[in-house]
Amino acid sequence: MFIFKWLYEKIKGRPAPYYFNYSILTIMVKPIRKFIAQVLAPYCPLNWVRILLYRICGFKIGKHCFIGMRCYLDDMCYDMLKIGNNCIISYGVFFACHGRNQVHLPITIEDGVYIGMRSSVISKTPEGNGLTIGEDAVIGACTLVNKNIPAGATAVGVPCKVMR
């Protein structure tokens, strides 16, 4: 890829796009991983198979977790999403580790977290350092989580507000 990057910069006279930094193997494996993470896993009716498929893609998922059907785990940064042990993620939850300017920030879900149906978890926080949902926190249904949630708290709303 170095030769292609060098040729691109010589011919165009500007820096090469970000994808010139990836190896050929990465470019070949990425569509397969995307297919598994976006087509096979979300629609698999068995939880243990769904989690196995997500782990094959590279997501870090703890023990005894439940991930509901039609959940979108951000496939652009599979290594930045960490789900702790004994977590329940309901149907249709959306996780985004990257944003408009392709800034990749981590999402950490600690042990015992419950995330309600159709919630969105977006890593772009006001602090700009990723997002953490604390241990034993509860996120209500249809909640937009865009800030850190402390341990044991309950958060609901768009954008989320901590209730207790």
N, C-alpha and C. Protein backbone atom coordinates (compact mmCIF):
# COMPACT_ATOMS: atom_id res chain seq x y z
N MET A 1 0.82 -1.20 0.00
CA MET A 1 0.00 0.00 0.00
C MET A 1 0.86 1.26 0.00
N PHE A 2 2.08 1.13 0.49
CA PHE A 2 2.94 2.31 0.53
C PHE A 2 3.17 2.88 -0.86
N ILE A 3 3.36 1.99 -1.85
CA ILE A 3 3.61 2.45 -3.22
C ILE A 3 2.40 3.20 -3.75
N PHE A 4 1.19 2.68 -3.49
CA PHE A 4 -0.02 3.35 -3.95
C PHE A 4 -0.19 4.71 -3.27
N LYS A 5 0.12 4.75 -1.99
CA LYS A 5 0.03 6.01 -1.25
C LYS A 5 1.01 7.02 -1.82
N TRP A 6 2.23 6.59 -2.06
CA TRP A 6 3.26 7.47 -2.60
C TRP A 6 2.87 7.97 -3.99
N LEU A 7 2.38 7.07 -4.85
CA LEU A 7 1.94 7.47 -6.19
C LEU A 7 0.78 8.46 -6.13
N TYR A 8 -0.18 8.20 -5.27
CA TYR A 8 -1.32 9.10 -5.12
C TYR A 8 -0.86 10.50 -4.74
N GLU A 9 0.04 10.58 -3.75
CA GLU A 9 0.52 11.88 -3.30
C GLU A 9 1.33 12.59 -4.37
N LYS A 10 2.10 11.85 -5.18
CA LYS A 10 2.88 12.45 -6.26
C LYS A 10 1.97 12.97 -7.37
N ILE A 11 0.98 12.18 -7.76
CA ILE A 11 0.11 12.56 -8.88
C ILE A 11 -0.86 13.66 -8.48
N LYS A 12 -1.54 13.50 -7.34
CA LYS A 12 -2.55 14.47 -6.91
C LYS A 12 -1.95 15.70 -6.23
N GLY A 13 -0.78 15.55 -5.64
CA GLY A 13 -0.15 16.68 -4.96
C GLY A 13 -0.77 17.01 -3.61
N ARG A 14 -1.45 16.08 -3.00
CA ARG A 14 -2.05 16.27 -1.68
C ARG A 14 -1.95 14.97 -0.89
N PRO A 15 -2.16 15.02 0.42
CA PRO A 15 -2.05 13.79 1.23
C PRO A 15 -3.09 12.75 0.80
N ALA A 16 -2.70 11.50 0.90
CA ALA A 16 -3.59 10.39 0.54
C ALA A 16 -4.69 10.23 1.58
N PRO A 17 -5.87 9.72 1.17
CA PRO A 17 -6.95 9.49 2.14
C PRO A 17 -6.55 8.48 3.21
N TYR A 18 -7.32 8.44 4.28
CA TYR A 18 -7.00 7.60 5.44
C TYR A 18 -6.93 6.12 5.10
N TYR A 19 -7.70 5.65 4.14
CA TYR A 19 -7.73 4.22 3.85
C TYR A 19 -6.46 3.71 3.18
N PHE A 20 -5.58 4.59 2.74
CA PHE A 20 -4.29 4.17 2.21
C PHE A 20 -3.37 3.65 3.31
N ASN A 21 -3.72 3.91 4.57
CA ASN A 21 -2.90 3.44 5.68
C ASN A 21 -3.18 1.98 6.05
N TYR A 22 -4.25 1.39 5.52
CA TYR A 22 -4.61 0.02 5.84
C TYR A 22 -3.88 -0.97 4.93
N SER A 23 -3.63 -2.16 5.44
CA SER A 23 -3.00 -3.20 4.64
C SER A 23 -4.03 -3.84 3.71
N ILE A 24 -3.55 -4.56 2.72
CA ILE A 24 -4.44 -5.26 1.79
C ILE A 24 -5.31 -6.28 2.54
N LEU A 25 -4.73 -6.98 3.51
CA LEU A 25 -5.47 -7.96 4.29
C LEU A 25 -6.63 -7.31 5.05
N THR A 26 -6.36 -6.16 5.64
CA THR A 26 -7.40 -5.43 6.37
C THR A 26 -8.51 -5.01 5.43
N ILE A 27 -8.15 -4.55 4.26
CA ILE A 27 -9.15 -4.13 3.28
C ILE A 27 -10.00 -5.31 2.83
N MET A 28 -9.42 -6.50 2.76
CA MET A 28 -10.18 -7.68 2.35
C MET A 28 -11.06 -8.22 3.48
N VAL A 29 -10.59 -8.15 4.72
CA VAL A 29 -11.32 -8.72 5.85
C VAL A 29 -12.46 -7.80 6.30
N LYS A 30 -12.31 -6.50 6.14
CA LYS A 30 -13.29 -5.54 6.63
C LYS A 30 -14.71 -5.80 6.11
N PRO A 31 -14.92 -6.05 4.81
CA PRO A 31 -16.29 -6.31 4.35
C PRO A 31 -16.89 -7.59 4.94
N ILE A 32 -16.06 -8.59 5.17
CA ILE A 32 -16.55 -9.84 5.76
C ILE A 32 -17.00 -9.58 7.20
N ARG A 33 -16.17 -8.85 7.95
CA ARG A 33 -16.52 -8.53 9.34
C ARG A 33 -17.77 -7.66 9.38
N LYS A 34 -17.89 -6.72 8.44
CA LYS A 34 -19.06 -5.85 8.39
C LYS A 34 -20.32 -6.67 8.10
N PHE A 35 -20.22 -7.65 7.20
CA PHE A 35 -21.36 -8.51 6.87
C PHE A 35 -21.81 -9.30 8.10
N ILE A 36 -20.84 -9.84 8.83
CA ILE A 36 -21.18 -10.61 10.04
C ILE A 36 -21.83 -9.71 11.08
N ALA A 37 -21.24 -8.53 11.32
CA ALA A 37 -21.72 -7.63 12.38
C ALA A 37 -23.03 -6.94 12.04
N GLN A 38 -23.31 -6.70 10.74
CA GLN A 38 -24.50 -5.93 10.38
C GLN A 38 -25.63 -6.76 9.77
N VAL A 39 -25.32 -7.96 9.26
CA VAL A 39 -26.35 -8.76 8.61
C VAL A 39 -26.65 -10.04 9.40
N LEU A 40 -25.62 -10.80 9.73
CA LEU A 40 -25.85 -12.08 10.39
C LEU A 40 -26.19 -11.94 11.87
N ALA A 41 -25.33 -11.27 12.63
CA ALA A 41 -25.49 -11.22 14.08
C ALA A 41 -26.79 -10.55 14.55
N PRO A 42 -27.17 -9.37 14.04
CA PRO A 42 -28.37 -8.73 14.58
C PRO A 42 -29.66 -9.53 14.39
N TYR A 43 -29.71 -10.36 13.38
CA TYR A 43 -30.95 -11.09 13.09
C TYR A 43 -30.91 -12.54 13.54
N CYS A 44 -29.87 -12.93 14.22
CA CYS A 44 -29.75 -14.29 14.73
C CYS A 44 -30.67 -14.46 15.94
N PRO A 45 -31.55 -15.46 15.95
CA PRO A 45 -32.50 -15.60 17.05
C PRO A 45 -31.90 -16.14 18.35
N LEU A 46 -30.72 -16.74 18.30
CA LEU A 46 -30.11 -17.31 19.49
C LEU A 46 -29.07 -16.34 20.06
N ASN A 47 -29.24 -15.98 21.33
CA ASN A 47 -28.36 -15.00 21.96
C ASN A 47 -26.91 -15.46 21.97
N TRP A 48 -26.65 -16.71 22.32
CA TRP A 48 -25.26 -17.17 22.43
C TRP A 48 -24.57 -17.17 21.07
N VAL A 49 -25.31 -17.44 20.00
CA VAL A 49 -24.72 -17.39 18.65
C VAL A 49 -24.46 -15.94 18.26
N ARG A 50 -25.40 -15.06 18.60
CA ARG A 50 -25.24 -13.63 18.30
C ARG A 50 -23.99 -13.08 18.97
N ILE A 51 -23.81 -13.39 20.25
CA ILE A 51 -22.63 -12.91 20.98
C ILE A 51 -21.36 -13.53 20.41
N LEU A 52 -21.42 -14.79 20.04
CA LEU A 52 -20.26 -15.44 19.42
C LEU A 52 -19.88 -14.74 18.11
N LEU A 53 -20.86 -14.40 17.29
CA LEU A 53 -20.58 -13.70 16.04
C LEU A 53 -19.98 -12.32 16.30
N TYR A 54 -20.51 -11.60 17.30
CA TYR A 54 -19.93 -10.30 17.64
C TYR A 54 -18.49 -10.45 18.14
N ARG A 55 -18.23 -11.48 18.93
CA ARG A 55 -16.86 -11.70 19.41
C ARG A 55 -15.92 -12.07 18.27
N ILE A 56 -16.39 -12.84 17.30
CA ILE A 56 -15.58 -13.16 16.13
C ILE A 56 -15.20 -11.88 15.38
N CYS A 57 -16.11 -10.92 15.35
CA CYS A 57 -15.82 -9.64 14.69
C CYS A 57 -14.81 -8.81 15.47
N GLY A 58 -14.61 -9.09 16.75
CA GLY A 58 -13.62 -8.37 17.54
C GLY A 58 -14.18 -7.53 18.66
N PHE A 59 -15.48 -7.54 18.87
CA PHE A 59 -16.06 -6.78 19.98
C PHE A 59 -15.69 -7.45 21.30
N LYS A 60 -15.48 -6.64 22.33
CA LYS A 60 -15.13 -7.15 23.66
C LYS A 60 -16.41 -7.22 24.49
N ILE A 61 -16.94 -8.42 24.66
CA ILE A 61 -18.20 -8.64 25.37
C ILE A 61 -17.94 -9.56 26.54
N GLY A 62 -18.39 -9.16 27.74
CA GLY A 62 -18.17 -9.94 28.95
C GLY A 62 -19.02 -11.19 29.02
N LYS A 63 -18.90 -11.88 30.15
CA LYS A 63 -19.63 -13.13 30.37
C LYS A 63 -21.07 -12.86 30.80
N HIS A 64 -21.95 -13.79 30.50
CA HIS A 64 -23.36 -13.78 30.92
C HIS A 64 -24.08 -12.51 30.47
N CYS A 65 -23.83 -12.07 29.26
CA CYS A 65 -24.51 -10.90 28.70
C CYS A 65 -25.66 -11.32 27.80
N PHE A 66 -26.62 -10.43 27.68
CA PHE A 66 -27.69 -10.61 26.71
C PHE A 66 -27.69 -9.40 25.80
N ILE A 67 -27.63 -9.65 24.51
CA ILE A 67 -27.72 -8.57 23.51
C ILE A 67 -28.93 -8.89 22.65
N GLY A 68 -29.90 -8.00 22.65
CA GLY A 68 -31.14 -8.22 21.90
C GLY A 68 -30.93 -8.19 20.40
N MET A 69 -31.95 -8.65 19.69
CA MET A 69 -31.89 -8.64 18.24
C MET A 69 -31.92 -7.21 17.72
N ARG A 70 -31.38 -7.03 16.52
CA ARG A 70 -31.34 -5.76 15.81
C ARG A 70 -30.56 -4.67 16.54
N CYS A 71 -29.59 -5.05 17.33
CA CYS A 71 -28.69 -4.06 17.93
C CYS A 71 -27.60 -3.72 16.93
N TYR A 72 -27.23 -2.46 16.86
CA TYR A 72 -26.16 -2.02 15.97
C TYR A 72 -24.95 -1.70 16.82
N LEU A 73 -23.93 -2.56 16.74
CA LEU A 73 -22.65 -2.29 17.40
C LEU A 73 -21.74 -1.71 16.32
N ASP A 74 -21.16 -0.56 16.57
CA ASP A 74 -20.39 0.18 15.57
C ASP A 74 -19.27 -0.68 15.00
N ASP A 75 -19.36 -1.01 13.73
CA ASP A 75 -18.38 -1.89 13.11
C ASP A 75 -17.14 -1.15 12.62
N MET A 76 -17.12 0.16 12.69
CA MET A 76 -15.93 0.89 12.27
C MET A 76 -14.84 0.88 13.33
N CYS A 77 -15.23 0.72 14.57
CA CYS A 77 -14.24 0.70 15.65
C CYS A 77 -14.62 -0.39 16.65
N TYR A 78 -14.51 -1.62 16.20
CA TYR A 78 -14.91 -2.78 16.98
C TYR A 78 -14.10 -2.93 18.27
N ASP A 79 -12.89 -2.40 18.29
CA ASP A 79 -12.04 -2.53 19.48
C ASP A 79 -12.29 -1.45 20.52
N MET A 80 -13.15 -0.47 20.23
CA MET A 80 -13.41 0.62 21.16
C MET A 80 -14.71 0.46 21.94
N LEU A 81 -15.43 -0.60 21.69
CA LEU A 81 -16.67 -0.86 22.41
C LEU A 81 -16.44 -2.02 23.36
N LYS A 82 -16.55 -1.75 24.67
CA LYS A 82 -16.32 -2.78 25.69
C LYS A 82 -17.59 -2.94 26.52
N ILE A 83 -18.10 -4.16 26.57
CA ILE A 83 -19.31 -4.47 27.33
C ILE A 83 -18.91 -5.39 28.47
N GLY A 84 -19.25 -5.01 29.71
CA GLY A 84 -18.86 -5.77 30.89
C GLY A 84 -19.70 -7.03 31.09
N ASN A 85 -19.50 -7.68 32.22
CA ASN A 85 -20.21 -8.91 32.57
C ASN A 85 -21.64 -8.61 33.02
N ASN A 86 -22.53 -9.59 32.82
CA ASN A 86 -23.91 -9.53 33.31
C ASN A 86 -24.69 -8.32 32.82
N CYS A 87 -24.45 -7.88 31.60
CA CYS A 87 -25.16 -6.73 31.03
C CYS A 87 -26.35 -7.22 30.20
N ILE A 88 -27.40 -6.40 30.20
CA ILE A 88 -28.56 -6.68 29.36
C ILE A 88 -28.73 -5.49 28.43
N ILE A 89 -28.65 -5.77 27.14
CA ILE A 89 -28.84 -4.74 26.12
C ILE A 89 -30.07 -5.16 25.33
N SER A 90 -31.12 -4.37 25.42
CA SER A 90 -32.41 -4.74 24.85
C SER A 90 -32.43 -4.60 23.33
N TYR A 91 -33.57 -4.90 22.76
CA TYR A 91 -33.81 -4.90 21.32
C TYR A 91 -33.51 -3.53 20.70
N GLY A 92 -32.78 -3.51 19.60
CA GLY A 92 -32.63 -2.32 18.78
C GLY A 92 -31.77 -1.20 19.34
N VAL A 93 -30.85 -1.49 20.24
CA VAL A 93 -29.98 -0.45 20.80
C VAL A 93 -28.89 -0.12 19.78
N PHE A 94 -28.57 1.16 19.66
CA PHE A 94 -27.61 1.67 18.68
C PHE A 94 -26.38 2.21 19.40
N PHE A 95 -25.20 1.75 19.02
CA PHE A 95 -23.94 2.23 19.59
C PHE A 95 -23.13 2.89 18.48
N ALA A 96 -22.66 4.11 18.70
CA ALA A 96 -21.82 4.80 17.71
C ALA A 96 -20.55 5.30 18.40
N CYS A 97 -19.41 4.78 17.95
CA CYS A 97 -18.11 5.19 18.49
C CYS A 97 -17.45 6.27 17.64
N HIS A 98 -18.05 6.62 16.54
CA HIS A 98 -17.47 7.65 15.67
C HIS A 98 -18.56 8.63 15.28
N GLY A 99 -18.10 9.80 14.86
CA GLY A 99 -19.05 10.84 14.53
C GLY A 99 -18.79 11.45 13.17
N ARG A 100 -19.27 12.65 13.03
CA ARG A 100 -19.24 13.36 11.76
C ARG A 100 -17.84 13.54 11.20
N ASN A 101 -16.89 13.85 12.05
CA ASN A 101 -15.52 14.10 11.60
C ASN A 101 -14.64 12.87 11.73
N GLN A 102 -15.25 11.68 11.84
CA GLN A 102 -14.53 10.41 11.96
C GLN A 102 -13.61 10.37 13.17
N VAL A 103 -13.99 11.05 14.24
CA VAL A 103 -13.26 10.97 15.50
C VAL A 103 -13.75 9.73 16.23
N HIS A 104 -12.86 8.81 16.52
CA HIS A 104 -13.23 7.55 17.16
C HIS A 104 -12.96 7.65 18.66
N LEU A 105 -14.01 7.51 19.46
CA LEU A 105 -13.90 7.57 20.91
C LEU A 105 -14.50 6.30 21.52
N PRO A 106 -13.93 5.81 22.62
CA PRO A 106 -14.39 4.54 23.19
C PRO A 106 -15.72 4.65 23.94
N ILE A 107 -16.44 3.54 23.95
CA ILE A 107 -17.63 3.38 24.77
C ILE A 107 -17.36 2.22 25.72
N THR A 108 -17.49 2.46 27.03
CA THR A 108 -17.28 1.42 28.03
C THR A 108 -18.57 1.23 28.81
N ILE A 109 -19.07 0.01 28.79
CA ILE A 109 -20.25 -0.35 29.55
C ILE A 109 -19.78 -1.28 30.65
N GLU A 110 -19.89 -0.85 31.89
CA GLU A 110 -19.37 -1.64 33.01
C GLU A 110 -20.35 -2.75 33.39
N ASP A 111 -20.00 -3.54 34.38
CA ASP A 111 -20.76 -4.73 34.77
C ASP A 111 -22.17 -4.39 35.26
N GLY A 112 -23.13 -5.25 34.91
CA GLY A 112 -24.48 -5.17 35.44
C GLY A 112 -25.35 -4.07 34.87
N VAL A 113 -25.03 -3.52 33.75
CA VAL A 113 -25.79 -2.41 33.16
C VAL A 113 -27.00 -2.96 32.40
N TYR A 114 -28.12 -2.24 32.50
CA TYR A 114 -29.31 -2.56 31.71
C TYR A 114 -29.57 -1.38 30.79
N ILE A 115 -29.68 -1.65 29.48
CA ILE A 115 -29.99 -0.60 28.50
C ILE A 115 -31.31 -0.96 27.85
N GLY A 116 -32.29 -0.04 27.96
CA GLY A 116 -33.63 -0.29 27.45
C GLY A 116 -33.72 -0.25 25.94
N MET A 117 -34.85 -0.72 25.47
CA MET A 117 -35.12 -0.89 24.04
C MET A 117 -35.00 0.42 23.26
N ARG A 118 -34.39 0.32 22.07
CA ARG A 118 -34.27 1.43 21.11
C ARG A 118 -33.47 2.63 21.63
N SER A 119 -32.61 2.43 22.59
CA SER A 119 -31.76 3.52 23.07
C SER A 119 -30.59 3.73 22.12
N SER A 120 -30.02 4.92 22.16
CA SER A 120 -28.84 5.25 21.36
C SER A 120 -27.72 5.67 22.29
N VAL A 121 -26.54 5.09 22.11
CA VAL A 121 -25.38 5.40 22.93
C VAL A 121 -24.33 5.98 22.00
N ILE A 122 -24.02 7.26 22.17
CA ILE A 122 -23.11 7.97 21.27
C ILE A 122 -21.90 8.44 22.06
N SER A 123 -20.71 8.12 21.59
CA SER A 123 -19.50 8.36 22.38
C SER A 123 -19.05 9.81 22.40
N LYS A 124 -19.62 10.68 21.62
CA LYS A 124 -19.20 12.08 21.61
C LYS A 124 -19.76 12.78 22.84
N THR A 125 -18.92 12.94 23.86
CA THR A 125 -19.34 13.57 25.10
C THR A 125 -18.83 15.00 25.15
N PRO A 126 -19.41 15.84 26.02
CA PRO A 126 -18.91 17.21 26.15
C PRO A 126 -17.43 17.27 26.54
N GLU A 127 -16.97 16.28 27.32
CA GLU A 127 -15.56 16.26 27.72
C GLU A 127 -14.67 15.83 26.55
N GLY A 128 -15.23 15.11 25.58
CA GLY A 128 -14.48 14.68 24.41
C GLY A 128 -13.53 13.52 24.65
N ASN A 129 -13.80 12.68 25.65
CA ASN A 129 -12.88 11.59 25.95
C ASN A 129 -13.57 10.22 25.97
N GLY A 130 -14.64 10.06 25.27
CA GLY A 130 -15.35 8.79 25.26
C GLY A 130 -16.48 8.77 26.27
N LEU A 131 -17.16 7.65 26.35
CA LEU A 131 -18.34 7.55 27.19
C LEU A 131 -18.25 6.31 28.07
N THR A 132 -18.65 6.46 29.33
CA THR A 132 -18.67 5.34 30.27
C THR A 132 -20.03 5.28 30.94
N ILE A 133 -20.62 4.10 30.94
CA ILE A 133 -21.85 3.85 31.69
C ILE A 133 -21.44 3.03 32.89
N GLY A 134 -21.65 3.58 34.09
CA GLY A 134 -21.16 2.99 35.33
C GLY A 134 -21.83 1.68 35.70
N GLU A 135 -21.24 1.01 36.65
CA GLU A 135 -21.69 -0.30 37.12
C GLU A 135 -23.12 -0.23 37.65
N ASP A 136 -23.94 -1.21 37.27
CA ASP A 136 -25.34 -1.36 37.71
C ASP A 136 -26.22 -0.17 37.34
N ALA A 137 -25.88 0.57 36.31
CA ALA A 137 -26.71 1.68 35.84
C ALA A 137 -27.87 1.14 35.02
N VAL A 138 -28.96 1.92 34.99
CA VAL A 138 -30.14 1.56 34.21
C VAL A 138 -30.41 2.69 33.23
N ILE A 139 -30.53 2.34 31.95
CA ILE A 139 -30.84 3.30 30.91
C ILE A 139 -32.25 2.98 30.41
N GLY A 140 -33.15 3.97 30.45
CA GLY A 140 -34.53 3.74 30.04
C GLY A 140 -34.67 3.55 28.54
N ALA A 141 -35.84 3.11 28.12
CA ALA A 141 -36.11 2.89 26.70
C ALA A 141 -36.08 4.20 25.93
N CYS A 142 -35.62 4.16 24.70
CA CYS A 142 -35.57 5.30 23.78
C CYS A 142 -34.77 6.47 24.33
N THR A 143 -33.73 6.20 25.08
CA THR A 143 -32.89 7.24 25.67
C THR A 143 -31.69 7.51 24.79
N LEU A 144 -31.32 8.77 24.67
CA LEU A 144 -30.10 9.16 23.96
C LEU A 144 -29.02 9.40 25.00
N VAL A 145 -28.06 8.49 25.08
CA VAL A 145 -26.97 8.60 26.05
C VAL A 145 -25.80 9.29 25.36
N ASN A 146 -25.53 10.53 25.77
CA ASN A 146 -24.42 11.28 25.18
C ASN A 146 -23.50 11.87 26.24
N LYS A 147 -23.62 11.38 27.46
CA LYS A 147 -22.71 11.80 28.53
C LYS A 147 -22.50 10.63 29.48
N ASN A 148 -21.48 10.72 30.29
CA ASN A 148 -21.15 9.65 31.22
C ASN A 148 -22.27 9.46 32.25
N ILE A 149 -22.55 8.21 32.57
CA ILE A 149 -23.58 7.86 33.55
C ILE A 149 -22.86 7.26 34.76
N PRO A 150 -23.08 7.80 35.97
CA PRO A 150 -22.39 7.25 37.15
C PRO A 150 -22.93 5.87 37.53
N ALA A 151 -22.18 5.18 38.36
CA ALA A 151 -22.55 3.83 38.81
C ALA A 151 -23.86 3.88 39.60
N GLY A 152 -24.74 2.92 39.35
CA GLY A 152 -25.99 2.80 40.08
C GLY A 152 -27.06 3.81 39.71
N ALA A 153 -26.84 4.64 38.73
CA ALA A 153 -27.79 5.69 38.37
C ALA A 153 -28.83 5.17 37.37
N THR A 154 -29.94 5.90 37.29
CA THR A 154 -30.97 5.64 36.29
C THR A 154 -31.05 6.85 35.40
N ALA A 155 -30.96 6.65 34.09
CA ALA A 155 -30.97 7.76 33.14
C ALA A 155 -32.07 7.54 32.11
N VAL A 156 -32.83 8.60 31.82
CA VAL A 156 -33.89 8.54 30.82
C VAL A 156 -33.94 9.86 30.06
N GLY A 157 -34.56 9.84 28.88
CA GLY A 157 -34.83 11.05 28.13
C GLY A 157 -33.92 11.25 26.93
N VAL A 158 -34.26 12.30 26.17
CA VAL A 158 -33.49 12.69 25.00
C VAL A 158 -33.16 14.16 25.14
N PRO A 159 -31.92 14.55 25.39
CA PRO A 159 -30.78 13.73 25.81
C PRO A 159 -31.00 13.26 27.25
N CYS A 160 -30.22 12.28 27.67
CA CYS A 160 -30.48 11.63 28.95
C CYS A 160 -30.25 12.56 30.14
N LYS A 161 -31.07 12.33 31.15
CA LYS A 161 -30.92 13.02 32.43
C LYS A 161 -30.88 11.95 33.51
N VAL A 162 -29.96 12.11 34.44
CA VAL A 162 -29.82 11.15 35.52
C VAL A 162 -30.91 11.42 36.54
N MET A 163 -31.70 10.38 36.86
CA MET A 163 -32.82 10.53 37.79
C MET A 163 -32.41 10.33 39.24
N ARG A 164 -31.54 9.35 39.50
CA ARG A 164 -31.10 9.12 40.88
C ARG A 164 -29.73 8.52 40.87
